[in-house]
């Protein structure tokens, strides 16, 4: 039996293992956001409307433009954008968040498309949107290669000049290195996985997966995608930037 064959078999095994574990990790994210307490929190968020950075970003797009909210939850941003005259689609991995958003849309008679999806694939047509929003979503995609594939999908569904307003919680203001996240909580839930990567972890006291970033590492990963990072701002634990499609 050749070494090349053995390497191929090991690689196939690892890819199969990654795929299976990705589904389990994503299922833990769904469980978190389908929880009744989380649904109640998202109802409270509806009162907020547009945040300042969202308003500043969307002003460049005329009313009637098609916008995408990735990780829309119960629709805070979607409803605010629809009221401004945009054609809005909201997607989320959590079925119950989408169900709650649909009920609200029907009750308030607000025209927004809501759809459940499975990371990292987007069930949307090419070049469907002028711009997208993605707030604290990227950290829930297991494995770096899948996160890059996710960004490729986002690029695919955007117009050639499409941009993404992205925000993500990072570790910069609270920790100095990744080793500090590998505490008892992590060890409690990580033992059952073989394909976790540096920065992978779990919510404090819970088995829900998330990937931890420092801003520098997040930027490097984003720059390995079809996007370039522009207008980035780091304020304590919140990193915000615009992702602009590269033209090749």
C-alpha atoms as a PDB file:
ATOM      1  CA  UNK A   1       0.000   0.000   0.000  1.00  0.00           C
ATOM      2  CA  UNK A   2       1.577   3.289  -1.130  1.00  0.00           C
ATOM      3  CA  UNK A   3       2.239   6.289   1.102  1.00  0.00           C
ATOM      4  CA  UNK A   4       0.254   8.422  -1.341  1.00  0.00           C
ATOM      5  CA  UNK A   5      -2.789   6.184  -0.864  1.00  0.00           C
ATOM      6  CA  UNK A   6      -2.449   6.306   2.920  1.00  0.00           C
ATOM      7  CA  UNK A   7      -2.166  10.108   2.904  1.00  0.00           C
ATOM      8  CA  UNK A   8      -5.248  10.367   0.697  1.00  0.00           C
ATOM      9  CA  UNK A   9      -7.179   8.065   3.023  1.00  0.00           C
ATOM     10  CA  UNK A  10      -6.143  10.098   6.069  1.00  0.00           C
ATOM     11  CA  UNK A  11      -7.150  13.322   4.324  1.00  0.00           C
ATOM     12  CA  UNK A  12     -10.522  11.883   3.354  1.00  0.00           C
ATOM     13  CA  UNK A  13     -11.072  10.703   6.930  1.00  0.00           C
ATOM     14  CA  UNK A  14     -10.204  14.135   8.297  1.00  0.00           C
ATOM     15  CA  UNK A  15     -12.518  15.902   5.845  1.00  0.00           C
ATOM     16  CA  UNK A  16     -15.352  13.513   6.733  1.00  0.00           C
ATOM     17  CA  UNK A  17     -14.677  14.070  10.427  1.00  0.00           C
ATOM     18  CA  UNK A  18     -14.638  17.850   9.934  1.00  0.00           C
ATOM     19  CA  UNK A  19     -17.918  17.739   8.054  1.00  0.00           C
ATOM     20  CA  UNK A  20     -19.606  15.658  10.734  1.00  0.00           C
ATOM     21  CA  UNK A  21     -18.252  17.783  13.566  1.00  0.00           C
ATOM     22  CA  UNK A  22     -19.190  21.004  11.751  1.00  0.00           C
ATOM     23  CA  UNK A  23     -22.807  19.862  11.671  1.00  0.00           C
ATOM     24  CA  UNK A  24     -22.730  19.141  15.394  1.00  0.00           C
ATOM     25  CA  UNK A  25     -21.096  22.469  16.207  1.00  0.00           C
ATOM     26  CA  UNK A  26     -23.602  24.344  14.057  1.00  0.00           C
ATOM     27  CA  UNK A  27     -26.415  22.437  15.740  1.00  0.00           C
ATOM     28  CA  UNK A  28     -25.177  23.816  19.073  1.00  0.00           C
ATOM     29  CA  UNK A  29     -25.423  27.354  17.649  1.00  0.00           C
ATOM     30  CA  UNK A  30     -28.984  26.717  16.493  1.00  0.00           C
ATOM     31  CA  UNK A  31     -29.879  25.377  19.916  1.00  0.00           C
ATOM     32  CA  UNK A  32     -28.624  28.585  21.528  1.00  0.00           C
ATOM     33  CA  UNK A  33     -30.627  30.908  19.288  1.00  0.00           C
ATOM     34  CA  UNK A  34     -33.761  28.750  19.286  1.00  0.00           C
ATOM     35  CA  UNK A  35     -33.906  28.952  23.084  1.00  0.00           C
ATOM     36  CA  UNK A  36     -37.030  30.776  24.417  1.00  0.00           C
ATOM     37  CA  UNK A  37     -34.935  33.226  26.450  1.00  0.00           C
ATOM     38  CA  UNK A  38     -32.945  34.151  23.360  1.00  0.00           C
ATOM     39  CA  UNK A  39     -36.165  34.628  21.388  1.00  0.00           C
ATOM     40  CA  UNK A  40     -37.437  36.980  24.091  1.00  0.00           C
ATOM     41  CA  UNK A  41     -34.195  38.985  23.976  1.00  0.00           C
ATOM     42  CA  UNK A  42     -34.557  39.398  20.225  1.00  0.00           C
ATOM     43  CA  UNK A  43     -38.074  40.715  20.677  1.00  0.00           C
ATOM     44  CA  UNK A  44     -36.679  43.403  22.956  1.00  0.00           C
ATOM     45  CA  UNK A  45     -34.103  44.300  20.287  1.00  0.00           C
ATOM     46  CA  UNK A  46     -36.863  45.330  17.902  1.00  0.00           C
ATOM     47  CA  UNK A  47     -37.172  48.586  19.846  1.00  0.00           C
ATOM     48  CA  UNK A  48     -33.618  49.621  18.936  1.00  0.00           C
ATOM     49  CA  UNK A  49     -34.029  50.205  15.193  1.00  0.00           C
ATOM     50  CA  UNK A  50     -30.929  51.149  13.195  1.00  0.00           C
ATOM     51  CA  UNK A  51     -27.629  51.540  15.017  1.00  0.00           C
ATOM     52  CA  UNK A  52     -25.423  54.482  14.078  1.00  0.00           C
ATOM     53  CA  UNK A  53     -22.938  52.496  12.012  1.00  0.00           C
ATOM     54  CA  UNK A  54     -25.766  50.770  10.151  1.00  0.00           C
ATOM     55  CA  UNK A  55     -27.424  54.074   9.326  1.00  0.00           C
ATOM     56  CA  UNK A  56     -24.147  55.571   8.109  1.00  0.00           C
ATOM     57  CA  UNK A  57     -23.459  52.524   5.935  1.00  0.00           C
ATOM     58  CA  UNK A  58     -26.875  52.293   4.303  1.00  0.00           C
ATOM     59  CA  UNK A  59     -27.109  55.981   3.420  1.00  0.00           C
ATOM     60  CA  UNK A  60     -25.053  55.410   0.256  1.00  0.00           C
ATOM     61  CA  UNK A  61     -27.735  53.071  -1.135  1.00  0.00           C
ATOM     62  CA  UNK A  62     -30.932  54.577  -2.572  1.00  0.00           C
ATOM     63  CA  UNK A  63     -34.317  53.393  -1.330  1.00  0.00           C
ATOM     64  CA  UNK A  64     -35.557  50.476  -3.362  1.00  0.00           C
ATOM     65  CA  UNK A  65     -32.164  48.725  -3.280  1.00  0.00           C
ATOM     66  CA  UNK A  66     -31.960  45.070  -2.330  1.00  0.00           C
ATOM     67  CA  UNK A  67     -30.242  44.439   1.011  1.00  0.00           C
ATOM     68  CA  UNK A  68     -29.339  41.237   2.851  1.00  0.00           C
ATOM     69  CA  UNK A  69     -29.136  40.752   6.633  1.00  0.00           C
ATOM     70  CA  UNK A  70     -27.055  37.676   7.471  1.00  0.00           C
ATOM     71  CA  UNK A  71     -27.959  36.432  10.939  1.00  0.00           C
ATOM     72  CA  UNK A  72     -31.146  38.471  11.054  1.00  0.00           C
ATOM     73  CA  UNK A  73     -32.593  36.784  14.174  1.00  0.00           C
ATOM     74  CA  UNK A  74     -36.097  38.193  14.749  1.00  0.00           C
ATOM     75  CA  UNK A  75     -35.632  41.023  12.274  1.00  0.00           C
ATOM     76  CA  UNK A  76     -34.567  44.176  14.127  1.00  0.00           C
ATOM     77  CA  UNK A  77     -32.424  45.447  11.262  1.00  0.00           C
ATOM     78  CA  UNK A  78     -34.658  44.052   8.506  1.00  0.00           C
ATOM     79  CA  UNK A  79     -37.757  45.858   9.721  1.00  0.00           C
ATOM     80  CA  UNK A  80     -35.864  49.127  10.217  1.00  0.00           C
ATOM     81  CA  UNK A  81     -34.479  48.943   6.662  1.00  0.00           C
ATOM     82  CA  UNK A  82     -37.855  48.005   5.160  1.00  0.00           C
ATOM     83  CA  UNK A  83     -39.429  51.054   6.785  1.00  0.00           C
ATOM     84  CA  UNK A  84     -36.850  53.169   4.951  1.00  0.00           C
ATOM     85  CA  UNK A  85     -37.999  51.745   1.623  1.00  0.00           C
ATOM     86  CA  UNK A  86     -35.410  49.027   0.989  1.00  0.00           C
ATOM     87  CA  UNK A  87     -36.171  45.546  -0.342  1.00  0.00           C
ATOM     88  CA  UNK A  88     -34.863  43.347   2.428  1.00  0.00           C
ATOM     89  CA  UNK A  89     -34.079  39.661   2.883  1.00  0.00           C
ATOM     90  CA  UNK A  90     -33.136  38.279   6.288  1.00  0.00           C
ATOM     91  CA  UNK A  91     -31.541  34.868   6.804  1.00  0.00           C
ATOM     92  CA  UNK A  92     -30.694  32.984   9.972  1.00  0.00           C
ATOM     93  CA  UNK A  93     -29.683  29.451  10.972  1.00  0.00           C
ATOM     94  CA  UNK A  94     -32.209  29.373  13.843  1.00  0.00           C
ATOM     95  CA  UNK A  95     -35.616  28.197  12.660  1.00  0.00           C
ATOM     96  CA  UNK A  96     -37.513  29.644  15.616  1.00  0.00           C
ATOM     97  CA  UNK A  97     -35.992  33.098  15.092  1.00  0.00           C
ATOM     98  CA  UNK A  98     -37.221  33.016  11.495  1.00  0.00           C
ATOM     99  CA  UNK A  99     -40.665  31.810  12.574  1.00  0.00           C
ATOM    100  CA  UNK A 100     -40.895  34.646  15.095  1.00  0.00           C
ATOM    101  CA  UNK A 101     -39.776  37.190  12.478  1.00  0.00           C
ATOM    102  CA  UNK A 102     -42.401  35.949  10.019  1.00  0.00           C
ATOM    103  CA  UNK A 103     -45.146  36.302  12.615  1.00  0.00           C
ATOM    104  CA  UNK A 104     -44.100  39.867  13.357  1.00  0.00           C
ATOM    105  CA  UNK A 105     -43.875  40.744   9.662  1.00  0.00           C
ATOM    106  CA  UNK A 106     -47.396  39.436   9.101  1.00  0.00           C
ATOM    107  CA  UNK A 107     -48.800  41.185  12.170  1.00  0.00           C
ATOM    108  CA  UNK A 108     -47.200  44.540  11.319  1.00  0.00           C
ATOM    109  CA  UNK A 109     -47.700  44.103   7.567  1.00  0.00           C
ATOM    110  CA  UNK A 110     -44.053  44.784   6.777  1.00  0.00           C
ATOM    111  CA  UNK A 111     -42.788  43.268   3.539  1.00  0.00           C
ATOM    112  CA  UNK A 112     -39.553  41.405   4.360  1.00  0.00           C
ATOM    113  CA  UNK A 113     -38.394  38.010   3.093  1.00  0.00           C
ATOM    114  CA  UNK A 114     -37.170  35.752   5.903  1.00  0.00           C
ATOM    115  CA  UNK A 115     -35.454  32.435   5.253  1.00  0.00           C
ATOM    116  CA  UNK A 116     -33.652  29.807   7.304  1.00  0.00           C
ATOM    117  CA  UNK A 117     -30.303  28.648   5.885  1.00  0.00           C
ATOM    118  CA  UNK A 118     -27.424  26.296   6.645  1.00  0.00           C
ATOM    119  CA  UNK A 119     -23.903  27.718   6.922  1.00  0.00           C
ATOM    120  CA  UNK A 120     -21.761  28.119   4.911  1.00  0.00           C
ATOM    121  CA  UNK A 121     -24.042  27.896   1.843  1.00  0.00           C
ATOM    122  CA  UNK A 122     -26.459  30.697   0.980  1.00  0.00           C
ATOM    123  CA  UNK A 123     -29.706  29.682  -0.790  1.00  0.00           C
ATOM    124  CA  UNK A 124     -29.662  32.872  -2.867  1.00  0.00           C
ATOM    125  CA  UNK A 125     -29.031  33.781  -6.500  1.00  0.00           C
ATOM    126  CA  UNK A 126     -25.855  35.347  -7.849  1.00  0.00           C
ATOM    127  CA  UNK A 127     -25.560  39.147  -7.657  1.00  0.00           C
ATOM    128  CA  UNK A 128     -28.899  39.467  -5.846  1.00  0.00           C
ATOM    129  CA  UNK A 129     -28.031  42.262  -3.415  1.00  0.00           C
ATOM    130  CA  UNK A 130     -26.479  45.712  -3.413  1.00  0.00           C
ATOM    131  CA  UNK A 131     -25.107  45.257   0.102  1.00  0.00           C
ATOM    132  CA  UNK A 132     -25.215  43.018   3.161  1.00  0.00           C
ATOM    133  CA  UNK A 133     -24.988  43.238   6.936  1.00  0.00           C
ATOM    134  CA  UNK A 134     -23.328  40.642   9.176  1.00  0.00           C
ATOM    135  CA  UNK A 135     -23.237  41.303  12.908  1.00  0.00           C
ATOM    136  CA  UNK A 136     -21.560  38.781  15.234  1.00  0.00           C
ATOM    137  CA  UNK A 137     -22.217  35.906  12.842  1.00  0.00           C
ATOM    138  CA  UNK A 138     -18.799  35.015  11.473  1.00  0.00           C
ATOM    139  CA  UNK A 139     -17.647  33.522  14.790  1.00  0.00           C
ATOM    140  CA  UNK A 140     -20.263  30.768  14.561  1.00  0.00           C
ATOM    141  CA  UNK A 141     -18.890  29.117  11.416  1.00  0.00           C
ATOM    142  CA  UNK A 142     -16.681  26.162  12.415  1.00  0.00           C
ATOM    143  CA  UNK A 143     -13.270  25.765  10.736  1.00  0.00           C
ATOM    144  CA  UNK A 144     -11.311  28.422   8.902  1.00  0.00           C
ATOM    145  CA  UNK A 145     -11.787  26.852   5.464  1.00  0.00           C
ATOM    146  CA  UNK A 146     -15.561  26.913   5.926  1.00  0.00           C
ATOM    147  CA  UNK A 147     -15.467  30.531   7.051  1.00  0.00           C
ATOM    148  CA  UNK A 148     -13.579  31.468   3.883  1.00  0.00           C
ATOM    149  CA  UNK A 149     -16.138  29.485   1.851  1.00  0.00           C
ATOM    150  CA  UNK A 150     -18.866  31.429   3.651  1.00  0.00           C
ATOM    151  CA  UNK A 151     -17.276  34.714   2.576  1.00  0.00           C
ATOM    152  CA  UNK A 152     -17.044  33.410  -0.982  1.00  0.00           C
ATOM    153  CA  UNK A 153     -20.770  32.709  -0.879  1.00  0.00           C
ATOM    154  CA  UNK A 154     -21.489  36.206   0.407  1.00  0.00           C
ATOM    155  CA  UNK A 155     -19.371  37.658  -2.388  1.00  0.00           C
ATOM    156  CA  UNK A 156     -21.268  35.551  -4.921  1.00  0.00           C
ATOM    157  CA  UNK A 157     -24.698  36.923  -3.961  1.00  0.00           C
ATOM    158  CA  UNK A 158     -23.543  40.564  -3.990  1.00  0.00           C
ATOM    159  CA  UNK A 159     -23.451  42.920  -6.963  1.00  0.00           C
ATOM    160  CA  UNK A 160     -19.955  43.555  -8.390  1.00  0.00           C
ATOM    161  CA  UNK A 161     -19.668  46.701  -6.270  1.00  0.00           C
ATOM    162  CA  UNK A 162     -21.387  45.165  -3.265  1.00  0.00           C
ATOM    163  CA  UNK A 163     -20.106  45.686   0.262  1.00  0.00           C
ATOM    164  CA  UNK A 164     -20.713  44.134   3.672  1.00  0.00           C
ATOM    165  CA  UNK A 165     -20.968  45.983   6.962  1.00  0.00           C
ATOM    166  CA  UNK A 166     -19.465  43.514   9.393  1.00  0.00           C
ATOM    167  CA  UNK A 167     -19.140  43.648  13.165  1.00  0.00           C
ATOM    168  CA  UNK A 168     -17.583  41.036  15.407  1.00  0.00           C
ATOM    169  CA  UNK A 169     -16.717  40.776  19.077  1.00  0.00           C
ATOM    170  CA  UNK A 170     -12.978  40.218  19.567  1.00  0.00           C
ATOM    171  CA  UNK A 171     -10.673  39.454  22.493  1.00  0.00           C
ATOM    172  CA  UNK A 172      -8.316  42.434  22.275  1.00  0.00           C
ATOM    173  CA  UNK A 173      -9.605  44.335  25.302  1.00  0.00           C
ATOM    174  CA  UNK A 174      -9.872  41.349  27.649  1.00  0.00           C
ATOM    175  CA  UNK A 175      -7.176  38.752  26.860  1.00  0.00           C
ATOM    176  CA  UNK A 176      -3.620  38.639  25.585  1.00  0.00           C
ATOM    177  CA  UNK A 177      -3.552  35.219  23.896  1.00  0.00           C
ATOM    178  CA  UNK A 178      -5.755  32.302  22.929  1.00  0.00           C
ATOM    179  CA  UNK A 179      -4.431  30.048  25.674  1.00  0.00           C
ATOM    180  CA  UNK A 180      -6.524  31.953  28.189  1.00  0.00           C
ATOM    181  CA  UNK A 181      -9.776  30.729  26.605  1.00  0.00           C
ATOM    182  CA  UNK A 182      -8.841  27.078  27.089  1.00  0.00           C
ATOM    183  CA  UNK A 183     -10.245  26.874  30.588  1.00  0.00           C
ATOM    184  CA  UNK A 184     -12.317  24.287  32.403  1.00  0.00           C
ATOM    185  CA  UNK A 185     -15.405  25.272  30.420  1.00  0.00           C
ATOM    186  CA  UNK A 186     -13.612  24.601  27.148  1.00  0.00           C
ATOM    187  CA  UNK A 187     -12.169  21.288  28.318  1.00  0.00           C
ATOM    188  CA  UNK A 188     -15.612  20.173  29.490  1.00  0.00           C
ATOM    189  CA  UNK A 189     -17.070  20.332  25.974  1.00  0.00           C
ATOM    190  CA  UNK A 190     -14.018  20.044  23.692  1.00  0.00           C
ATOM    191  CA  UNK A 191     -13.050  16.480  24.556  1.00  0.00           C
ATOM    192  CA  UNK A 192     -15.745  15.159  22.215  1.00  0.00           C
ATOM    193  CA  UNK A 193     -14.251  16.842  19.115  1.00  0.00           C
ATOM    194  CA  UNK A 194     -11.121  16.031  17.101  1.00  0.00           C
ATOM    195  CA  UNK A 195     -11.074  18.855  14.549  1.00  0.00           C
ATOM    196  CA  UNK A 196     -11.207  22.000  16.701  1.00  0.00           C
ATOM    197  CA  UNK A 197      -8.749  24.689  15.596  1.00  0.00           C
ATOM    198  CA  UNK A 198      -6.887  27.412  17.461  1.00  0.00           C
ATOM    199  CA  UNK A 199      -9.413  29.914  18.762  1.00  0.00           C
ATOM    200  CA  UNK A 200     -12.317  27.460  18.790  1.00  0.00           C
ATOM    201  CA  UNK A 201     -14.239  27.440  22.040  1.00  0.00           C
ATOM    202  CA  UNK A 202     -17.597  27.334  23.751  1.00  0.00           C
ATOM    203  CA  UNK A 203     -19.827  29.890  25.429  1.00  0.00           C
ATOM    204  CA  UNK A 204     -19.160  30.232  29.137  1.00  0.00           C
ATOM    205  CA  UNK A 205     -20.991  27.494  31.010  1.00  0.00           C
ATOM    206  CA  UNK A 206     -22.647  26.123  27.880  1.00  0.00           C
ATOM    207  CA  UNK A 207     -21.862  23.711  25.017  1.00  0.00           C
ATOM    208  CA  UNK A 208     -22.561  26.292  22.294  1.00  0.00           C
ATOM    209  CA  UNK A 209     -19.687  26.668  19.831  1.00  0.00           C
ATOM    210  CA  UNK A 210     -18.035  29.934  18.872  1.00  0.00           C
ATOM    211  CA  UNK A 211     -14.673  30.919  17.439  1.00  0.00           C
ATOM    212  CA  UNK A 212     -12.676  33.573  19.296  1.00  0.00           C
ATOM    213  CA  UNK A 213     -10.694  36.189  17.374  1.00  0.00           C
ATOM    214  CA  UNK A 214      -8.150  38.855  18.012  1.00  0.00           C
ATOM    215  CA  UNK A 215      -8.679  41.731  15.581  1.00  0.00           C
ATOM    216  CA  UNK A 216      -5.353  41.173  13.810  1.00  0.00           C
ATOM    217  CA  UNK A 217      -6.142  37.515  13.121  1.00  0.00           C
ATOM    218  CA  UNK A 218      -9.672  38.324  12.031  1.00  0.00           C
ATOM    219  CA  UNK A 219      -8.411  40.884   9.505  1.00  0.00           C
ATOM    220  CA  UNK A 220      -5.861  38.403   8.133  1.00  0.00           C
ATOM    221  CA  UNK A 221      -8.581  35.798   7.662  1.00  0.00           C
ATOM    222  CA  UNK A 222     -10.963  38.236   5.997  1.00  0.00           C
ATOM    223  CA  UNK A 223      -8.194  39.360   3.644  1.00  0.00           C
ATOM    224  CA  UNK A 224      -7.753  35.733   2.531  1.00  0.00           C
ATOM    225  CA  UNK A 225     -11.254  35.905   1.039  1.00  0.00           C
ATOM    226  CA  UNK A 226     -12.711  37.665  -2.041  1.00  0.00           C
ATOM    227  CA  UNK A 227     -12.988  40.819   0.096  1.00  0.00           C
ATOM    228  CA  UNK A 228     -10.618  43.495   1.271  1.00  0.00           C
ATOM    229  CA  UNK A 229     -11.099  45.163   4.631  1.00  0.00           C
ATOM    230  CA  UNK A 230     -11.725  48.917   4.613  1.00  0.00           C
ATOM    231  CA  UNK A 231     -12.856  51.466   7.214  1.00  0.00           C
ATOM    232  CA  UNK A 232     -12.071  49.197  10.143  1.00  0.00           C
ATOM    233  CA  UNK A 233     -12.658  50.424  13.697  1.00  0.00           C
ATOM    234  CA  UNK A 234     -11.751  48.679  16.951  1.00  0.00           C
ATOM    235  CA  UNK A 235     -13.479  49.957  20.087  1.00  0.00           C
ATOM    236  CA  UNK A 236     -12.731  47.789  23.101  1.00  0.00           C
ATOM    237  CA  UNK A 237     -14.172  44.367  22.237  1.00  0.00           C
ATOM    238  CA  UNK A 238     -16.097  45.441  19.122  1.00  0.00           C
ATOM    239  CA  UNK A 239     -14.462  45.292  15.693  1.00  0.00           C
ATOM    240  CA  UNK A 240     -16.398  46.886  12.829  1.00  0.00           C
ATOM    241  CA  UNK A 241     -15.379  47.106   9.189  1.00  0.00           C
ATOM    242  CA  UNK A 242     -16.618  47.251   5.622  1.00  0.00           C
ATOM    243  CA  UNK A 243     -15.816  44.306   3.367  1.00  0.00           C
ATOM    244  CA  UNK A 244     -15.381  45.446  -0.227  1.00  0.00           C
ATOM    245  CA  UNK A 245     -15.333  42.962  -3.096  1.00  0.00           C
ATOM    246  CA  UNK A 246     -12.046  42.631  -4.947  1.00  0.00           C
ATOM    247  CA  UNK A 247     -12.185  43.128  -8.700  1.00  0.00           C
ATOM    248  CA  UNK A 248     -10.166  40.600 -10.663  1.00  0.00           C
END
